[in-house]
Amino acid sequence: MAVKTAGETGGRKASRFSEEGGSTLGLILKYVFLALVVGFLTFSGWQLLQDGSYPFAATFFITALFITLVYVRRTTVPLRWIAPGLIFLILFQIYPVVFTVYTAFTNYSTGRNVEKQVAIKSIENQTYVPEGAPTLNWTPLQADDGTAAIWVIDPATGEAHLAIPDQEWIPAADVPGLVLGPDGVPTSLDGYTVQANNQRFLFVSANQGVTFGTEEAGAQVTSSVEARETKQKYVYDPAQDAMVDQQTGKVYVNQEGVFTADDGSIVTPGFPVVVGVSNFTKILTDPNFRGPFARIFIWTFVWAVLSVLETFVLGMFLALTMNSPNIPMQRLLRVLLILPYAIPPFITVKVWVGLLNPILGMIGSQWNPGWFTSPFWSKVGILMVNLWLGYPYMFLIILGALQSIPQDMYEAAKVDGAGPLYQFRRLTLPLLLVSIGPLLIGSFAFNFNNFAIIDLYNQGGPPMPGAGVAGFTDILISYTYKIAFGGTRGNDYGLAAAVSIIIFIIVGAVTIFNFRYTGQLEEVSENV
């Protein structure tokens, strides 16, 4: 019976440690880096938690915990290779989706775009000048750490104080190292530098709205020579969930995220609150949204279907033509046909926009259909531009699919007496649809959300009368963008998120249906 010595046992343990953990220095560096990453995520999550951003904070905490478990436990070694990708997937894909769904059930919009704690803090920072408050003389100071302060003097009483943001005023007698000039203005004091008078305008500009002192009592610089005593205007009352105006005594009660008084006046900013399915019902019941949404909904389907159909037909025609070996300069023509695909659409669309109106005059026609002002001809124009942009893609994929079809099938069809039209209808088209069916589905989904060409061509115009931000060539995605970012009365992110969910459901349903239809085509192709 062999006996293991202590040296052998220790050597094997050391070897195992070296294989799993690497060198001691490498292990130390790994844990130091891990500690820095986890510490940064935890600190960021804590800061977000303090600001009331609970979803963001939870995401950072969960990510920190995930990284710790993956890179500390030995049983999760295989997971370490895909952990960075999973983290970025959570942060940049899953979280935005979850946040969009949550936003759709809130009234997140202009005036309600910060968390409740942030809104309360911002409102409580507002100040007012009490009636009879004295006008103070002030002198700009700069602390050794770069922060600003002022020296204030009450001309009526001669009392002087050092006023620092977020601190109570310090009487002149308690200021260390203070040396006053003959006019009562300090020439020096410990920790501060007295700034020159020519810096007063810059100081006022840089510290506009800054309260030197506490929220209960402080001063703000109002001009290059005067400062006014200020007090906190609003105080939050948790019992009423309301803001109380210290100046007038008016109470502003929280109403769906906005502090509102009995007379209808409000205090901003507000904060988003959950409102259930009101955004979805608003789309279906509010006349300002129901009519435009229905029109845009129908046009979006028409636009996506026609875009796929026209590019497919033209691309297939050109592919069938270029697939013939009898075409002269075949390679050169193929290159020329795919040139529009090589030019960025941001350039191509703008070129077409510049050409559409003048081009008819160049050929001697006085007919101008209104490519950008007529609802019908704007749609025709944008479909025409999209045909130019999309046919090279269809041409390429169909040309490749044609070359994969066995030629002996056509030879057998010819022997059976099938003509070119019959061969196309019974052989070419079914086999093409099987090959490029998924690509057609992808093209439909792409055009359904093709925001770029809609915005570049005419920004969704011409405007739809009485429909707010909606235009006649808007599709759902461009309409959503306008609701979220282009509203003249403010941005309604909650409503835009609701429309985004509807778009997702529509595209998902159409995609599932098309994939099932593609499966049926594959069954049909087995009998070709």
Protein backbone atom coordinates (compact mmCIF):
# COMPACT_ATOMS: atom_id res chain seq x y z
CA MET A 1 0.00 0.00 0.00
CA ALA A 2 1.53 3.28 -1.13
CA VAL A 3 1.61 6.14 1.32
CA LYS A 4 1.33 9.72 0.06
CA THR A 5 3.86 12.03 1.56
CA ALA A 6 3.07 15.54 2.65
CA GLY A 7 5.20 16.92 -0.13
CA GLU A 8 3.35 14.96 -2.78
CA THR A 9 -0.02 16.03 -1.41
CA GLY A 10 1.00 19.66 -1.25
CA GLY A 11 2.45 19.49 -4.75
CA ARG A 12 -0.76 18.12 -6.18
CA LYS A 13 -2.80 20.77 -4.42
CA ALA A 14 -0.49 23.44 -5.69
CA SER A 15 -0.73 22.02 -9.20
CA ARG A 16 -4.52 21.99 -9.01
CA PHE A 17 -4.50 25.56 -7.70
CA SER A 18 -2.21 26.63 -10.55
CA GLU A 19 -4.46 25.00 -13.18
CA GLU A 20 -7.72 26.49 -11.85
CA GLY A 21 -6.64 29.83 -10.57
CA GLY A 22 -3.42 30.62 -12.40
CA SER A 23 -0.47 32.26 -10.72
CA THR A 24 -0.78 34.03 -7.39
CA LEU A 25 -0.16 37.42 -9.01
CA GLY A 26 -2.74 36.73 -11.70
CA LEU A 27 -5.25 35.65 -9.08
CA ILE A 28 -4.67 38.82 -7.07
CA LEU A 29 -5.05 41.03 -10.16
CA LYS A 30 -8.23 39.19 -11.11
CA TYR A 31 -9.84 39.77 -7.74
CA VAL A 32 -8.68 43.39 -7.63
CA PHE A 33 -10.25 44.02 -11.03
CA LEU A 34 -13.38 42.14 -9.96
CA ALA A 35 -13.59 44.24 -6.80
CA LEU A 36 -13.27 47.45 -8.81
CA VAL A 37 -16.02 46.45 -11.25
CA VAL A 38 -18.39 45.21 -8.55
CA GLY A 39 -17.61 48.25 -6.40
CA PHE A 40 -18.36 50.62 -9.28
CA LEU A 41 -21.66 48.89 -10.06
CA THR A 42 -22.67 48.81 -6.39
CA PHE A 43 -21.76 52.47 -5.86
CA SER A 44 -23.64 53.50 -9.03
CA GLY A 45 -26.66 51.46 -7.94
CA TRP A 46 -26.59 53.09 -4.51
CA GLN A 47 -26.49 56.57 -6.03
CA LEU A 48 -29.41 55.71 -8.30
CA LEU A 49 -31.27 54.31 -5.30
CA GLN A 50 -30.77 57.58 -3.45
CA ASP A 51 -32.18 59.47 -6.43
CA GLY A 52 -35.25 57.23 -6.53
CA SER A 53 -34.32 55.46 -9.79
CA TYR A 54 -35.28 52.04 -8.46
CA PRO A 55 -35.35 50.10 -11.77
CA PHE A 56 -31.88 51.36 -12.74
CA ALA A 57 -30.57 50.67 -9.24
CA ALA A 58 -31.96 47.13 -9.26
CA THR A 59 -30.33 46.48 -12.64
CA PHE A 60 -26.91 47.56 -11.35
CA PHE A 61 -27.25 45.50 -8.15
CA ILE A 62 -28.33 42.39 -10.03
CA THR A 63 -25.45 42.81 -12.49
CA ALA A 64 -22.95 43.16 -9.63
CA LEU A 65 -24.32 40.02 -7.95
CA PHE A 66 -24.23 38.09 -11.22
CA ILE A 67 -20.59 39.05 -11.89
CA THR A 68 -19.59 38.10 -8.35
CA LEU A 69 -21.23 34.66 -8.52
CA VAL A 70 -19.85 33.89 -11.97
CA TYR A 71 -16.24 34.93 -11.38
CA VAL A 72 -15.85 33.68 -7.81
CA ARG A 73 -17.45 30.24 -7.92
CA ARG A 74 -15.39 27.52 -9.61
CA THR A 75 -18.49 25.70 -10.84
CA THR A 76 -19.37 28.60 -13.15
CA VAL A 77 -16.10 28.65 -15.13
CA PRO A 78 -17.79 27.90 -18.51
CA LEU A 79 -20.22 30.75 -17.92
CA ARG A 80 -17.38 33.26 -17.61
CA TRP A 81 -16.79 33.26 -21.36
CA ILE A 82 -20.31 34.44 -22.18
CA ALA A 83 -20.89 36.55 -19.04
CA PRO A 84 -19.83 39.88 -20.66
CA GLY A 85 -22.19 39.25 -23.56
CA LEU A 86 -25.03 38.36 -21.20
CA ILE A 87 -24.42 41.52 -19.16
CA PHE A 88 -24.55 43.74 -22.23
CA LEU A 89 -27.63 41.85 -23.43
CA ILE A 90 -29.36 42.59 -20.12
CA LEU A 91 -28.30 46.24 -20.02
CA PHE A 92 -28.89 47.18 -23.66
CA GLN A 93 -31.63 44.79 -24.83
CA ILE A 94 -33.68 43.21 -22.05
CA TYR A 95 -33.75 46.22 -19.74
CA PRO A 96 -34.89 48.69 -22.48
CA VAL A 97 -37.67 46.28 -23.43
CA VAL A 98 -38.81 45.91 -19.81
CA PHE A 99 -38.56 49.66 -19.27
CA THR A 100 -40.60 50.35 -22.43
CA VAL A 101 -43.34 47.98 -21.27
CA TYR A 102 -43.36 49.65 -17.85
CA THR A 103 -43.42 53.14 -19.40
CA ALA A 104 -46.46 52.20 -21.51
CA PHE A 105 -48.49 51.88 -18.31
CA THR A 106 -47.38 55.24 -16.88
CA ASN A 107 -47.96 58.91 -17.75
CA TYR A 108 -44.25 59.50 -18.33
CA SER A 109 -44.20 62.73 -20.37
CA THR A 110 -43.01 66.32 -20.42
CA GLY A 111 -43.43 67.72 -16.92
CA ARG A 112 -43.44 64.18 -15.51
CA ASN A 113 -39.98 63.00 -16.49
CA VAL A 114 -38.08 62.60 -13.19
CA GLU A 115 -38.47 60.31 -10.22
CA LYS A 116 -40.65 61.47 -7.31
CA GLN A 117 -37.74 62.01 -4.92
CA VAL A 118 -35.89 64.06 -7.52
CA ALA A 119 -39.01 66.14 -8.23
CA ILE A 120 -39.58 66.83 -4.52
CA LYS A 121 -35.96 67.84 -4.02
CA SER A 122 -36.05 70.10 -7.07
CA ILE A 123 -39.24 71.82 -5.89
CA GLU A 124 -37.94 72.24 -2.35
CA ASN A 125 -34.85 73.96 -3.75
CA GLN A 126 -37.03 76.80 -5.02
CA THR A 127 -36.78 79.97 -2.93
CA TYR A 128 -38.56 83.29 -2.58
CA VAL A 129 -37.64 86.74 -1.29
CA PRO A 130 -39.62 87.48 1.92
CA GLU A 131 -41.54 90.72 2.10
CA GLY A 132 -39.39 93.43 3.62
CA ALA A 133 -36.20 91.42 3.17
CA PRO A 134 -33.19 93.76 3.13
CA THR A 135 -31.01 94.32 0.11
CA LEU A 136 -27.53 93.11 0.94
CA ASN A 137 -24.11 94.11 -0.36
CA TRP A 138 -21.91 91.22 -1.30
CA THR A 139 -18.34 90.38 -2.24
CA PRO A 140 -17.38 87.27 -4.26
CA LEU A 141 -15.14 84.69 -2.61
CA GLN A 142 -13.54 81.52 -3.84
CA ALA A 143 -12.59 78.66 -1.52
CA ASP A 144 -9.32 76.83 -1.82
CA ASP A 145 -11.22 73.81 -3.23
CA GLY A 146 -12.73 75.96 -6.00
CA THR A 147 -16.24 76.36 -4.57
CA ALA A 148 -17.94 79.76 -4.39
CA ALA A 149 -19.01 81.78 -1.37
CA ILE A 150 -19.97 85.41 -0.70
CA TRP A 151 -19.40 87.98 2.01
CA VAL A 152 -22.71 89.71 2.78
CA ILE A 153 -23.24 92.99 4.60
CA ASP A 154 -26.60 94.37 5.74
CA PRO A 155 -26.32 98.13 5.02
CA ALA A 156 -29.02 98.93 7.59
CA THR A 157 -27.38 97.21 10.54
CA GLY A 158 -23.80 96.81 9.36
CA GLU A 159 -23.86 93.10 10.25
CA ALA A 160 -21.56 90.98 8.09
CA HIS A 161 -21.57 87.22 7.49
CA LEU A 162 -19.76 84.57 5.49
CA ALA A 163 -22.38 82.83 3.36
CA ILE A 164 -21.56 79.35 2.05
CA PRO A 165 -24.00 77.13 0.08
CA ASP A 166 -25.82 74.55 2.25
CA GLN A 167 -24.40 75.99 5.49
CA GLU A 168 -25.69 78.46 8.06
CA TRP A 169 -24.29 81.97 7.86
CA ILE A 170 -21.10 82.50 9.88
CA PRO A 171 -20.92 85.85 11.74
CA ALA A 172 -17.86 87.99 11.07
CA ALA A 173 -16.62 87.48 14.65
CA ASP A 174 -16.44 83.70 14.13
CA VAL A 175 -14.58 83.73 10.79
CA PRO A 176 -10.95 82.61 11.30
CA GLY A 177 -8.13 84.76 9.91
CA LEU A 178 -10.48 87.59 8.94
CA VAL A 179 -8.91 90.92 8.04
CA LEU A 180 -11.39 93.67 7.12
CA GLY A 181 -10.71 96.73 5.05
CA PRO A 182 -11.96 100.22 5.88
CA ASP A 183 -15.23 99.59 3.97
CA GLY A 184 -15.99 96.40 5.90
CA VAL A 185 -15.02 94.16 2.98
CA PRO A 186 -12.50 91.42 3.90
CA THR A 187 -9.02 91.67 2.46
CA SER A 188 -8.16 88.14 3.55
CA LEU A 189 -9.61 85.19 5.48
CA ASP A 190 -8.55 81.61 6.06
CA GLY A 191 -9.47 79.17 3.27
CA TYR A 192 -10.83 81.80 0.88
CA THR A 193 -9.58 84.23 -1.74
CA VAL A 194 -11.31 87.56 -2.28
CA GLN A 195 -12.04 87.94 -5.98
CA ALA A 196 -11.57 91.20 -7.87
CA ASN A 197 -14.54 93.41 -8.69
CA ASN A 198 -14.13 92.77 -12.41
CA GLN A 199 -15.08 89.13 -11.72
CA ARG A 200 -18.52 90.00 -10.37
CA PHE A 201 -20.42 89.57 -13.67
CA LEU A 202 -18.85 86.15 -14.27
CA PHE A 203 -19.64 85.19 -10.68
CA VAL A 204 -23.30 86.17 -11.06
CA SER A 205 -23.58 84.20 -14.31
CA ALA A 206 -21.95 81.10 -12.84
CA ASN A 207 -24.00 81.14 -9.64
CA GLN A 208 -27.41 82.12 -10.94
CA GLY A 209 -30.03 80.57 -8.66
CA VAL A 210 -27.49 79.31 -6.11
CA THR A 211 -28.56 79.88 -2.51
CA PHE A 212 -25.70 80.90 -0.26
CA GLY A 213 -26.86 79.56 3.07
CA THR A 214 -29.47 76.96 3.99
CA GLU A 215 -32.80 76.29 2.33
CA GLU A 216 -34.55 77.84 5.34
CA ALA A 217 -32.54 81.07 5.16
CA GLY A 218 -29.96 82.18 2.65
CA ALA A 219 -29.19 84.75 -0.03
CA GLN A 220 -28.94 84.82 -3.80
CA VAL A 221 -26.96 87.30 -5.89
CA THR A 222 -29.41 89.33 -8.00
CA SER A 223 -26.99 91.76 -9.63
CA SER A 224 -23.30 92.63 -9.65
CA VAL A 225 -23.70 94.70 -6.47
CA GLU A 226 -26.82 93.39 -4.68
CA ALA A 227 -27.97 90.18 -3.04
CA ARG A 228 -31.38 89.39 -1.56
CA GLU A 229 -32.22 87.23 1.39
CA THR A 230 -34.20 84.15 0.36
CA LYS A 231 -36.17 81.40 2.07
CA GLN A 232 -37.38 77.98 1.05
CA LYS A 233 -40.67 78.39 -0.83
CA TYR A 234 -42.09 74.85 -0.82
CA VAL A 235 -42.01 72.15 1.85
CA TYR A 236 -43.18 68.60 1.20
CA ASP A 237 -45.81 67.22 3.59
CA PRO A 238 -45.76 63.39 3.46
CA ALA A 239 -49.05 63.10 5.36
CA GLN A 240 -50.94 64.94 2.61
CA ASP A 241 -48.55 63.93 -0.17
CA ALA A 242 -48.55 67.60 -1.02
CA MET A 243 -46.33 70.65 -1.39
CA VAL A 244 -47.05 73.55 0.99
CA ASP A 245 -46.20 77.07 -0.21
CA GLN A 246 -44.40 78.79 2.67
CA GLN A 247 -45.06 82.19 1.13
CA THR A 248 -48.81 81.98 0.50
CA GLY A 249 -49.88 78.91 2.47
CA LYS A 250 -51.37 77.30 -0.67
CA VAL A 251 -51.37 73.49 -0.69
CA TYR A 252 -50.52 71.59 -3.89
CA VAL A 253 -51.79 68.01 -3.71
CA ASN A 254 -50.30 65.20 -5.80
CA GLN A 255 -52.61 64.47 -8.75
CA GLU A 256 -51.22 61.79 -11.09
CA GLY A 257 -47.67 62.95 -10.54
CA VAL A 258 -48.22 66.72 -10.59
CA PHE A 259 -48.64 68.82 -7.46
CA THR A 260 -51.85 70.76 -8.15
CA ALA A 261 -53.72 73.36 -6.10
CA ASP A 262 -57.49 73.76 -5.88
CA ASP A 263 -57.42 76.63 -8.38
CA GLY A 264 -55.66 74.47 -10.99
CA SER A 265 -52.19 75.96 -10.61
CA ILE A 266 -49.31 73.48 -10.54
CA VAL A 267 -45.76 73.17 -9.29
CA THR A 268 -43.16 71.64 -11.56
CA PRO A 269 -41.41 69.32 -12.15
CA GLY A 270 -43.74 66.35 -11.82
CA PHE A 271 -43.04 62.63 -11.82
CA PRO A 272 -44.51 59.62 -13.68
CA VAL A 273 -47.05 57.37 -12.00
CA VAL A 274 -48.72 54.14 -13.07
CA VAL A 275 -52.00 54.86 -14.89
CA GLY A 276 -52.86 51.33 -16.05
CA VAL A 277 -54.11 50.86 -19.60
CA SER A 278 -55.15 54.49 -20.09
CA ASN A 279 -52.53 55.01 -22.82
CA PHE A 280 -53.96 52.09 -24.81
CA THR A 281 -57.57 53.22 -24.30
CA LYS A 282 -56.51 56.74 -25.29
CA ILE A 283 -55.40 55.45 -28.67
CA LEU A 284 -58.77 53.76 -29.23
CA THR A 285 -61.15 56.32 -27.68
CA ASP A 286 -59.56 59.78 -27.91
CA PRO A 287 -60.67 61.38 -31.24
CA ASN A 288 -57.35 63.23 -31.46
CA PHE A 289 -55.52 59.90 -31.63
CA ARG A 290 -58.09 57.34 -32.83
CA GLY A 291 -58.61 58.80 -36.30
CA PRO A 292 -54.96 59.49 -37.12
CA PHE A 293 -53.88 56.17 -35.61
CA ALA A 294 -56.34 54.22 -37.75
CA ARG A 295 -55.16 55.97 -40.93
CA ILE A 296 -51.51 55.51 -40.07
CA PHE A 297 -52.13 51.88 -39.11
CA ILE A 298 -53.66 51.10 -42.52
CA TRP A 299 -51.00 53.03 -44.42
CA THR A 300 -48.22 51.23 -42.52
CA PHE A 301 -49.52 47.86 -43.75
CA VAL A 302 -50.01 49.17 -47.29
CA TRP A 303 -46.54 50.70 -47.25
CA ALA A 304 -44.83 47.52 -45.99
CA VAL A 305 -46.70 45.20 -48.38
CA LEU A 306 -46.20 47.40 -51.45
CA SER A 307 -42.54 47.99 -50.61
CA VAL A 308 -41.86 44.25 -50.47
CA LEU A 309 -44.01 43.52 -53.52
CA GLU A 310 -42.56 46.19 -55.80
CA THR A 311 -38.93 45.47 -54.91
CA PHE A 312 -39.54 41.73 -55.23
CA VAL A 313 -41.16 42.02 -58.66
CA LEU A 314 -38.52 44.35 -60.09
CA GLY A 315 -35.67 42.43 -58.48
CA MET A 316 -37.00 39.13 -59.79
CA PHE A 317 -37.49 40.53 -63.30
CA LEU A 318 -33.92 41.83 -63.41
CA ALA A 319 -32.55 38.62 -61.86
CA LEU A 320 -34.33 36.46 -64.44
CA THR A 321 -32.99 38.69 -67.17
CA MET A 322 -29.43 38.77 -65.87
CA ASN A 323 -29.46 35.01 -65.27
CA SER A 324 -29.63 34.37 -69.00
CA PRO A 325 -26.22 33.51 -70.51
CA ASN A 326 -27.15 35.33 -73.72
CA ILE A 327 -27.05 38.81 -72.15
CA PRO A 328 -24.00 40.77 -73.41
CA MET A 329 -21.72 42.43 -70.81
CA GLN A 330 -23.53 40.47 -68.13
CA ARG A 331 -20.99 41.12 -65.33
CA LEU A 332 -20.86 44.87 -65.96
CA LEU A 333 -24.65 45.13 -65.98
CA ARG A 334 -24.90 43.21 -62.73
CA VAL A 335 -22.47 45.60 -61.06
CA LEU A 336 -24.39 48.63 -62.34
CA LEU A 337 -27.69 47.21 -61.09
CA ILE A 338 -26.46 46.87 -57.51
CA LEU A 339 -24.90 50.36 -57.35
CA PRO A 340 -27.93 51.91 -55.56
CA TYR A 341 -27.40 49.32 -52.82
CA ALA A 342 -23.84 50.55 -52.28
CA ILE A 343 -24.81 54.21 -51.76
CA PRO A 344 -26.06 55.12 -48.24
CA PRO A 345 -29.80 55.82 -48.20
CA PHE A 346 -29.21 59.06 -46.31
CA ILE A 347 -27.58 60.38 -49.48
CA THR A 348 -29.84 58.67 -52.01
CA VAL A 349 -33.11 59.88 -50.49
CA LYS A 350 -31.92 63.48 -50.34
CA VAL A 351 -30.80 63.25 -53.98
CA TRP A 352 -34.26 62.02 -54.97
CA VAL A 353 -35.90 64.77 -52.92
CA GLY A 354 -33.83 67.32 -54.83
CA LEU A 355 -34.71 65.76 -58.18
CA LEU A 356 -38.43 65.07 -57.91
CA ASN A 357 -39.73 68.60 -58.39
CA PRO A 358 -37.27 69.98 -61.00
CA ILE A 359 -37.06 66.78 -63.07
CA LEU A 360 -40.42 67.27 -64.78
CA GLY A 361 -39.56 70.81 -65.79
CA MET A 362 -36.30 69.60 -67.30
CA ILE A 363 -38.16 67.33 -69.71
CA GLY A 364 -40.63 70.06 -70.66
CA SER A 365 -43.63 69.07 -68.58
CA GLN A 366 -45.63 71.64 -66.63
CA TRP A 367 -47.38 68.93 -64.59
CA ASN A 368 -46.35 68.91 -60.96
CA PRO A 369 -48.27 66.36 -58.90
CA GLY A 370 -47.06 67.72 -55.56
CA TRP A 371 -44.57 65.11 -54.50
CA PHE A 372 -44.37 66.63 -51.00
CA THR A 373 -47.70 68.45 -50.59
CA SER A 374 -50.28 65.99 -51.95
CA PRO A 375 -51.21 63.09 -49.62
CA PHE A 376 -51.56 60.66 -52.56
CA TRP A 377 -48.53 61.71 -54.60
CA SER A 378 -46.33 61.93 -51.52
CA LYS A 379 -47.02 58.25 -50.95
CA VAL A 380 -46.35 57.48 -54.62
CA GLY A 381 -43.08 59.39 -54.45
CA ILE A 382 -41.88 57.66 -51.31
CA LEU A 383 -42.74 54.24 -52.76
CA MET A 384 -40.81 55.13 -55.89
CA VAL A 385 -37.75 56.16 -53.88
CA ASN A 386 -37.97 52.98 -51.80
CA LEU A 387 -38.17 50.92 -55.00
CA TRP A 388 -34.87 52.42 -56.11
CA LEU A 389 -33.33 51.68 -52.73
CA GLY A 390 -34.72 48.15 -52.30
CA TYR A 391 -34.61 46.41 -55.66
CA PRO A 392 -30.81 45.73 -55.61
CA TYR A 393 -31.21 43.64 -52.45
CA MET A 394 -33.97 41.56 -54.02
CA PHE A 395 -31.96 41.31 -57.22
CA LEU A 396 -28.97 39.86 -55.37
CA ILE A 397 -30.82 37.28 -53.30
CA ILE A 398 -33.06 36.15 -56.17
CA LEU A 399 -30.11 35.87 -58.55
CA GLY A 400 -28.34 33.66 -56.03
CA ALA A 401 -31.48 31.55 -55.51
CA LEU A 402 -31.95 31.10 -59.26
CA GLN A 403 -28.47 29.72 -59.65
CA SER A 404 -29.18 27.11 -56.98
CA ILE A 405 -32.13 25.63 -58.88
CA PRO A 406 -31.05 22.48 -60.82
CA GLN A 407 -31.16 23.04 -64.57
CA ASP A 408 -32.20 19.47 -65.31
CA MET A 409 -35.65 20.31 -63.91
CA TYR A 410 -36.14 22.87 -66.68
CA GLU A 411 -34.85 20.40 -69.29
CA ALA A 412 -37.35 17.81 -68.08
CA ALA A 413 -40.14 20.40 -68.22
CA LYS A 414 -39.20 21.29 -71.80
CA VAL A 415 -39.35 17.62 -72.76
CA ASP A 416 -42.88 17.48 -71.29
CA GLY A 417 -43.84 20.46 -73.44
CA ALA A 418 -43.90 23.16 -70.72
CA GLY A 419 -43.46 26.68 -72.02
CA PRO A 420 -41.52 29.53 -70.31
CA LEU A 421 -44.60 30.89 -68.52
CA TYR A 422 -45.57 27.46 -67.20
CA GLN A 423 -41.98 26.81 -66.04
CA PHE A 424 -41.94 30.10 -64.19
CA ARG A 425 -45.32 29.53 -62.52
CA ARG A 426 -44.77 25.86 -61.61
CA LEU A 427 -41.02 25.65 -61.06
CA THR A 428 -39.21 28.96 -60.63
CA LEU A 429 -41.65 30.87 -58.44
CA PRO A 430 -42.42 28.07 -55.91
CA LEU A 431 -38.74 27.23 -55.47
CA LEU A 432 -37.83 30.92 -55.17
CA LEU A 433 -40.45 31.50 -52.50
CA VAL A 434 -39.12 28.59 -50.47
CA SER A 435 -35.56 29.93 -50.66
CA ILE A 436 -36.23 33.61 -50.05
CA GLY A 437 -39.46 33.34 -48.04
CA PRO A 438 -37.73 34.14 -44.71
CA LEU A 439 -35.93 37.05 -46.37
CA LEU A 440 -39.25 38.44 -47.60
CA ILE A 441 -40.55 38.23 -44.04
CA GLY A 442 -37.48 40.11 -42.85
CA SER A 443 -37.98 42.70 -45.58
CA PHE A 444 -41.59 43.18 -44.49
CA ALA A 445 -40.53 43.70 -40.86
CA PHE A 446 -37.79 46.11 -41.96
CA ASN A 447 -40.12 48.23 -44.08
CA PHE A 448 -42.81 48.11 -41.40
CA ASN A 449 -40.34 50.00 -39.18
CA ASN A 450 -38.40 51.84 -41.90
CA PHE A 451 -38.18 55.14 -40.08
CA ALA A 452 -35.20 56.55 -42.00
CA ILE A 453 -36.79 56.91 -45.45
CA ILE A 454 -40.04 58.32 -44.02
CA ASP A 455 -38.18 60.97 -42.08
CA LEU A 456 -35.67 61.80 -44.81
CA TYR A 457 -38.23 62.10 -47.59
CA ASN A 458 -40.76 64.47 -46.02
CA GLN A 459 -40.70 63.97 -42.22
CA GLY A 460 -43.97 62.06 -42.56
CA GLY A 461 -45.73 64.99 -44.25
CA PRO A 462 -47.82 66.58 -45.50
CA PRO A 463 -49.46 67.28 -42.13
CA MET A 464 -52.79 65.63 -41.41
CA PRO A 465 -55.30 68.40 -40.49
CA GLY A 466 -56.52 68.25 -36.91
CA ALA A 467 -54.29 65.28 -36.10
CA GLY A 468 -51.56 66.91 -34.05
CA VAL A 469 -48.13 65.65 -35.06
CA ALA A 470 -49.43 63.03 -37.55
CA GLY A 471 -48.71 63.26 -41.27
CA PHE A 472 -50.16 61.46 -44.28
CA THR A 473 -46.97 59.48 -45.00
CA ASP A 474 -46.23 58.69 -41.36
CA ILE A 475 -45.97 55.03 -40.46
CA LEU A 476 -46.39 53.75 -36.92
CA ILE A 477 -42.73 54.04 -36.01
CA SER A 478 -42.37 57.63 -37.24
CA TYR A 479 -45.68 58.53 -35.56
CA THR A 480 -44.32 57.02 -32.34
CA TYR A 481 -41.15 59.06 -32.68
CA LYS A 482 -43.15 62.26 -33.11
CA ILE A 483 -45.29 61.49 -30.07
CA ALA A 484 -42.20 60.80 -27.98
CA PHE A 485 -39.91 63.58 -29.21
CA GLY A 486 -41.66 65.87 -31.68
CA GLY A 487 -44.77 67.13 -29.92
CA THR A 488 -45.28 70.89 -29.87
CA ARG A 489 -47.18 70.58 -26.57
CA GLY A 490 -44.59 68.32 -25.00
CA ASN A 491 -43.39 64.76 -25.32
CA ASP A 492 -45.62 61.87 -24.27
CA TYR A 493 -43.26 58.93 -23.68
CA GLY A 494 -45.93 56.75 -22.09
CA LEU A 495 -48.21 56.96 -25.12
CA ALA A 496 -45.27 56.40 -27.47
CA ALA A 497 -44.29 53.28 -25.50
CA ALA A 498 -47.87 51.99 -25.81
CA VAL A 499 -47.72 52.42 -29.59
CA SER A 500 -44.34 50.64 -29.60
CA ILE A 501 -45.90 47.62 -27.88
CA ILE A 502 -48.69 47.58 -30.47
CA ILE A 503 -46.09 47.65 -33.24
CA PHE A 504 -44.23 44.74 -31.63
CA ILE A 505 -47.43 42.67 -31.37
CA ILE A 506 -48.33 43.37 -35.01
CA VAL A 507 -44.89 42.55 -36.38
CA GLY A 508 -44.66 39.45 -34.21
CA ALA A 509 -48.07 38.18 -35.34
CA VAL A 510 -47.34 38.82 -39.00
CA THR A 511 -43.95 37.13 -38.70
CA ILE A 512 -45.42 34.03 -37.06
CA PHE A 513 -48.10 33.82 -39.75
CA ASN A 514 -45.56 34.23 -42.54
CA PHE A 515 -43.26 31.58 -41.12
CA ARG A 516 -46.17 29.14 -40.99
CA TYR A 517 -47.01 30.05 -44.58
CA THR A 518 -43.37 29.49 -45.51
CA GLY A 519 -43.60 26.01 -43.98
CA GLN A 520 -46.59 25.30 -46.21
CA LEU A 521 -44.55 26.45 -49.21
CA GLU A 522 -41.85 23.96 -48.30
CA GLU A 523 -44.45 21.18 -48.32
CA VAL A 524 -45.64 22.38 -51.74
CA SER A 525 -42.08 22.49 -53.07
CA GLU A 526 -41.62 18.81 -52.28
CA ASN A 527 -44.08 18.04 -55.06
CA VAL A 528 -42.43 20.36 -57.60
